[in-house]
Every structure is written in C-alpha cells, then in structure tokens.
C-alpha cells in the first residue's frame, strides 16, 4: 500500500493504491552533485594583507531570489488523474529516468524535456536550467535527421496549487517547442508544476498548438514504495 500526501497541515487520509506488479526495482544510488556547480571558493579574490577591503552591503530593498536546486526522489510513484502510474526509477546528474505501468522508460534531461529518439541537442545548455530561478530561461535546438525544433524552457513563477493528491508549493515551468524550416510552424506548449517537497512533477498541461484542446494531468495519488529520502534539500520556495 502506498501512502499519499494529504493537504498541508491536515491529517492524511488513507488511500488504497494498487501495487506496481512486475515493475522493476527503482535505483537507489546516491544523487550526484549538480552538474557544473562552481567550487565553494569560485570567483573569490584573496585580499592583500594590510589593505582594507570594501564590502558593499546589499540594498535594503533587495529580496531573496526564489531558487531551487535539483531534487527528484527515486521511488516516487505518481498516479495521474488520466490513469496509469509514473515512477521515478533513477536520478543521474540532472537526468530523471521514469518508467510507466507498461515498463516504458524515458530519460528526461533537466526533468522537463523529453527528446525525440536519436535526437541531438546542446546538453550543456539544457543542464543550465538548474538550479531553477524564477525568470530563468534557456534556449536550445533539437535535431533529428533533417528535422529541427527550437525549445525555450522558462521558470515563469512560483505558486501554490491544489491537485487531488494534496496542496503543494510549486515552481511553474513552461517549455515551448516550434519546428524550424518549411511547413507548419505551430508552437506546442508544455507546462509543468514541480513540487520540491513531493520530489516530483504533480501537474502537467500540454497545449498542442494545432487547434486541438489542451490536455491536463494532475497527481491523483503520490506514493512512495521505497523509504522516503531525507527531507532536507537546498533551495527554498517562499
């Protein structure tokens, strides 16, 4: 039986969920440090002995920035309202490996990007999206054979969102994808609500951009087949 996350501050209600029959055991390796993170003393200049150093205090009006380091919990199972289950099987750097009820595995670079099979793209640019910071945006081109797409991934805001699984403080990440070249150039938009405390994406909305209506998935139940990792994480949501 998987336990679900209830409303913040409320007693969780018991939820019976089906076991993951035949699902592979999630990986349990420790999460490596954030790719490309600078060393602790990077950018610091050693002061010259005997020479006073002028320190400029931050202006009183400066507010702390909303940031969050990479965090996805291995073993988290999200049961979406559209049916099925999606389990975080592994975390490698800023890659999230998921598996569904049909044992279909997908590697999501930077968590919010699902490349086409055999695609080429600037991995360093994709990884720069972390740590998340409100207003941060990255652009990169994905190429498969003669086809190319422009992706723009942005952290647009932080908000508290309610889904059937509970109420979560979340980052809202938007990724647009537009084909480059001849033919139709409609823009598809993918919106993700990422909840650091849940260690998962708890809501998604896809707007195809081709006249079809948007499709929304919300977390109906969030379960943890494995013992939950330590709740301590860097970064914070106000």
Protein backbone atom coordinates (compact mmCIF):
# COMPACT_ATOMS: atom_id res chain seq x y z
CA UNK A 1 0.00 0.00 0.00
CA UNK A 2 1.32 3.42 -0.95
CA UNK A 3 0.76 6.38 1.27
CA UNK A 4 -0.37 9.60 -0.31
CA UNK A 5 0.39 13.20 0.55
CA UNK A 6 -2.60 15.00 2.05
CA UNK A 7 -3.33 18.68 2.34
CA UNK A 8 -0.66 20.74 4.04
CA UNK A 9 -1.36 20.89 7.74
CA UNK A 10 -4.16 18.31 7.53
CA UNK A 11 -4.26 14.69 8.61
CA UNK A 12 -3.57 12.48 5.55
CA UNK A 13 -6.49 10.28 4.57
CA UNK A 14 -5.78 6.61 3.86
CA UNK A 15 -5.71 5.79 0.16
CA UNK A 16 -5.58 2.28 -1.19
CA UNK A 17 -3.47 2.06 -4.32
CA UNK A 18 -2.63 -0.95 -6.48
CA UNK A 19 0.88 -2.38 -6.13
CA UNK A 20 3.30 -1.96 -9.01
CA UNK A 21 3.03 -5.51 -10.31
CA UNK A 22 6.08 -6.56 -12.25
CA UNK A 23 7.61 -3.07 -12.12
CA UNK A 24 11.42 -3.03 -11.92
CA UNK A 25 13.02 -2.08 -8.64
CA UNK A 26 13.98 1.65 -8.60
CA UNK A 27 17.62 2.54 -8.48
CA UNK A 28 18.95 3.53 -5.06
CA UNK A 29 22.22 5.20 -5.90
CA UNK A 30 23.03 8.47 -4.21
CA UNK A 31 22.28 11.66 -6.11
CA UNK A 32 25.50 13.22 -7.50
CA UNK A 33 26.16 16.91 -7.08
CA UNK A 34 24.65 19.36 -9.52
CA UNK A 35 26.46 19.27 -12.85
CA UNK A 36 28.51 22.36 -13.46
CA UNK A 37 28.21 23.69 -9.89
CA UNK A 38 31.13 26.02 -9.06
CA UNK A 39 33.54 25.12 -6.24
CA UNK A 40 32.92 26.85 -2.90
CA UNK A 41 35.66 29.47 -3.44
CA UNK A 42 34.98 30.12 -7.11
CA UNK A 43 35.01 33.79 -8.03
CA UNK A 44 36.59 34.93 -4.73
CA UNK A 45 39.69 37.09 -4.71
CA UNK A 46 42.10 36.72 -1.79
CA UNK A 47 42.58 40.09 -0.05
CA UNK A 48 46.02 41.63 0.13
CA UNK A 49 47.41 41.72 3.68
CA UNK A 50 47.32 45.23 5.16
CA UNK A 51 44.92 46.61 2.54
CA UNK A 52 41.34 47.27 3.72
CA UNK A 53 38.63 45.54 1.71
CA UNK A 54 35.48 47.47 0.90
CA UNK A 55 32.34 45.38 1.35
CA UNK A 56 29.20 46.77 -0.20
CA UNK A 57 26.08 45.71 1.69
CA UNK A 58 23.05 44.63 -0.30
CA UNK A 59 20.44 47.40 -0.70
CA UNK A 60 17.64 47.17 1.88
CA UNK A 61 15.02 46.62 -0.84
CA UNK A 62 16.77 43.57 -2.31
CA UNK A 63 14.55 40.50 -1.81
CA UNK A 64 15.88 36.92 -1.71
CA UNK A 65 15.62 35.15 -5.04
CA UNK A 66 13.32 32.19 -5.49
CA UNK A 67 15.61 29.28 -6.34
CA UNK A 68 15.63 25.52 -6.03
CA UNK A 69 18.43 23.04 -6.56
CA UNK A 70 17.75 19.84 -8.44
CA UNK A 71 15.66 17.39 -6.44
CA UNK A 72 13.64 14.40 -7.61
CA UNK A 73 13.05 11.47 -5.27
CA UNK A 74 13.91 7.98 -6.50
CA UNK A 75 10.95 5.64 -5.94
CA UNK A 76 8.22 8.28 -6.09
CA UNK A 77 5.13 6.91 -7.86
CA UNK A 78 2.67 9.42 -9.30
CA UNK A 79 -0.78 8.15 -10.24
CA UNK A 80 -2.22 10.77 -12.64
CA UNK A 81 -5.92 11.55 -12.94
CA UNK A 82 -5.82 10.26 -16.53
CA UNK A 83 -4.87 6.77 -15.31
CA UNK A 84 -1.72 4.67 -15.08
CA UNK A 85 1.34 5.32 -12.95
CA UNK A 86 4.70 7.00 -13.50
CA UNK A 87 7.59 6.04 -11.23
CA UNK A 88 10.92 7.81 -10.83
CA UNK A 89 13.28 4.89 -11.38
CA UNK A 90 16.58 6.76 -11.22
CA UNK A 91 18.29 10.13 -10.99
CA UNK A 92 21.62 10.71 -12.76
CA UNK A 93 23.01 14.22 -12.57
CA UNK A 94 20.10 16.31 -13.84
CA UNK A 95 18.52 13.41 -15.72
CA UNK A 96 15.31 11.86 -14.39
CA UNK A 97 14.58 8.29 -15.50
CA UNK A 98 10.88 7.37 -15.38
CA UNK A 99 9.05 4.12 -16.07
CA UNK A 100 5.30 3.67 -16.62
CA UNK A 101 2.98 0.74 -15.99
CA UNK A 102 3.98 -0.77 -19.36
CA UNK A 103 7.67 -0.68 -18.33
CA UNK A 104 8.37 2.06 -20.88
CA UNK A 105 11.46 4.00 -19.75
CA UNK A 106 12.15 7.61 -20.66
CA UNK A 107 15.18 9.77 -19.77
CA UNK A 108 14.21 13.39 -19.17
CA UNK A 109 17.27 15.70 -19.35
CA UNK A 110 16.76 18.54 -16.84
CA UNK A 111 13.44 16.84 -15.91
CA UNK A 112 11.27 18.98 -18.21
CA UNK A 113 12.50 17.85 -21.64
CA UNK A 114 11.70 14.59 -23.47
CA UNK A 115 13.89 14.39 -26.60
CA UNK A 116 12.92 12.50 -29.73
CA UNK A 117 14.65 9.17 -30.24
CA UNK A 118 18.16 9.69 -31.63
CA UNK A 119 17.98 13.46 -31.16
CA UNK A 120 21.00 15.75 -30.91
CA UNK A 121 20.98 18.91 -28.79
CA UNK A 122 23.27 21.10 -26.69
CA UNK A 123 23.25 19.19 -23.42
CA UNK A 124 25.20 21.85 -21.56
CA UNK A 125 22.55 24.43 -22.38
CA UNK A 126 19.75 22.15 -21.17
CA UNK A 127 21.58 21.48 -17.88
CA UNK A 128 21.98 25.21 -17.24
CA UNK A 129 18.29 25.36 -16.35
CA UNK A 130 19.25 24.11 -12.87
CA UNK A 131 19.17 25.42 -10.25
CA UNK A 132 15.72 26.79 -11.04
CA UNK A 133 15.36 30.52 -10.59
CA UNK A 134 12.19 32.48 -11.31
CA UNK A 135 12.68 34.33 -14.60
CA UNK A 136 15.45 31.98 -15.78
CA UNK A 137 15.20 30.77 -19.39
CA UNK A 138 17.28 28.58 -21.71
CA UNK A 139 17.04 28.09 -25.49
CA UNK A 140 18.33 25.13 -27.47
CA UNK A 141 17.79 23.39 -30.81
CA UNK A 142 16.92 19.70 -31.10
CA UNK A 143 17.83 17.92 -34.36
CA UNK A 144 16.70 14.55 -35.72
CA UNK A 145 17.89 13.94 -39.28
CA UNK A 146 16.59 16.85 -41.37
CA UNK A 147 14.07 17.98 -38.76
CA UNK A 148 14.80 20.68 -36.19
CA UNK A 149 12.89 22.18 -33.28
CA UNK A 150 13.55 25.28 -31.19
CA UNK A 151 12.89 24.76 -27.47
CA UNK A 152 12.57 27.58 -24.94
CA UNK A 153 12.36 26.46 -21.29
CA UNK A 154 11.45 29.04 -18.65
CA UNK A 155 10.69 29.18 -14.93
CA UNK A 156 7.75 31.56 -15.05
CA UNK A 157 6.53 31.75 -11.44
CA UNK A 158 6.04 30.02 -8.08
CA UNK A 159 2.56 29.23 -6.86
CA UNK A 160 0.59 27.01 -4.52
CA UNK A 161 -1.52 24.54 -6.48
CA UNK A 162 -4.18 22.08 -5.35
CA UNK A 163 -4.46 18.68 -7.03
CA UNK A 164 -6.37 15.57 -5.89
CA UNK A 165 -3.21 14.33 -4.11
CA UNK A 166 -2.97 17.47 -1.98
CA UNK A 167 -1.82 21.08 -1.91
CA UNK A 168 1.77 21.88 -2.91
CA UNK A 169 4.03 24.91 -3.21
CA UNK A 170 5.38 24.57 -6.76
CA UNK A 171 7.56 26.05 -9.46
CA UNK A 172 5.73 26.55 -12.77
CA UNK A 173 7.99 25.66 -15.70
CA UNK A 174 6.96 26.35 -19.29
CA UNK A 175 8.60 24.83 -22.36
CA UNK A 176 7.67 25.81 -25.90
CA UNK A 177 8.63 23.77 -28.96
CA UNK A 178 8.49 25.15 -32.51
CA UNK A 179 9.57 23.41 -35.69
CA UNK A 180 12.27 25.13 -37.72
CA UNK A 181 12.18 25.09 -41.51
CA UNK A 182 9.48 24.58 -44.14
CA UNK A 183 5.93 23.56 -43.38
CA UNK A 184 3.65 24.37 -40.45
CA UNK A 185 5.42 26.15 -37.60
CA UNK A 186 2.84 25.92 -34.83
CA UNK A 187 4.09 26.21 -31.26
CA UNK A 188 3.40 23.44 -28.75
CA UNK A 189 3.50 24.46 -25.10
CA UNK A 190 4.23 22.17 -22.14
CA UNK A 191 3.58 23.46 -18.61
CA UNK A 192 4.86 21.63 -15.53
CA UNK A 193 4.11 22.18 -11.84
CA UNK A 194 7.18 20.89 -9.97
CA UNK A 195 6.81 20.43 -6.19
CA UNK A 196 10.20 20.07 -4.44
CA UNK A 197 8.62 18.63 -1.26
CA UNK A 198 6.93 15.89 -3.27
CA UNK A 199 10.13 15.30 -5.26
CA UNK A 200 8.04 15.10 -8.43
CA UNK A 201 6.02 16.92 -11.07
CA UNK A 202 2.48 16.98 -9.68
CA UNK A 203 0.66 18.56 -12.64
CA UNK A 204 1.21 18.95 -16.39
CA UNK A 205 -0.66 20.73 -19.16
CA UNK A 206 0.03 20.23 -22.87
CA UNK A 207 -1.22 22.75 -25.44
CA UNK A 208 -0.58 21.16 -28.88
CA UNK A 209 -0.85 24.45 -30.79
CA UNK A 210 -2.51 22.73 -33.75
CA UNK A 211 -6.09 23.55 -32.89
CA UNK A 212 -6.58 20.61 -30.55
CA UNK A 213 -7.72 21.29 -26.96
CA UNK A 214 -5.15 21.24 -24.13
CA UNK A 215 -4.64 18.08 -22.08
CA UNK A 216 -4.14 18.32 -18.31
CA UNK A 217 -2.89 15.66 -15.90
CA UNK A 218 -2.89 16.04 -12.12
CA UNK A 219 -1.49 13.82 -9.40
CA UNK A 220 -4.36 11.78 -8.05
CA UNK A 221 -2.16 9.85 -5.61
CA UNK A 222 1.55 10.19 -4.79
CA UNK A 223 3.05 7.07 -3.23
CA UNK A 224 6.48 6.08 -2.01
CA UNK A 225 7.15 2.34 -2.49
CA UNK A 226 10.65 2.84 -1.06
CA UNK A 227 11.51 4.62 2.20
CA UNK A 228 11.39 8.35 1.57
CA UNK A 229 14.75 10.12 1.26
CA UNK A 230 15.85 12.68 3.80
CA UNK A 231 13.51 15.69 3.61
CA UNK A 232 16.45 18.14 3.69
CA UNK A 233 17.14 19.90 0.38
CA UNK A 234 18.90 23.03 -0.75
CA UNK A 235 17.00 25.97 -2.11
CA UNK A 236 13.59 27.12 -0.94
CA UNK A 237 10.21 28.27 -2.08
CA UNK A 238 8.77 31.26 -0.24
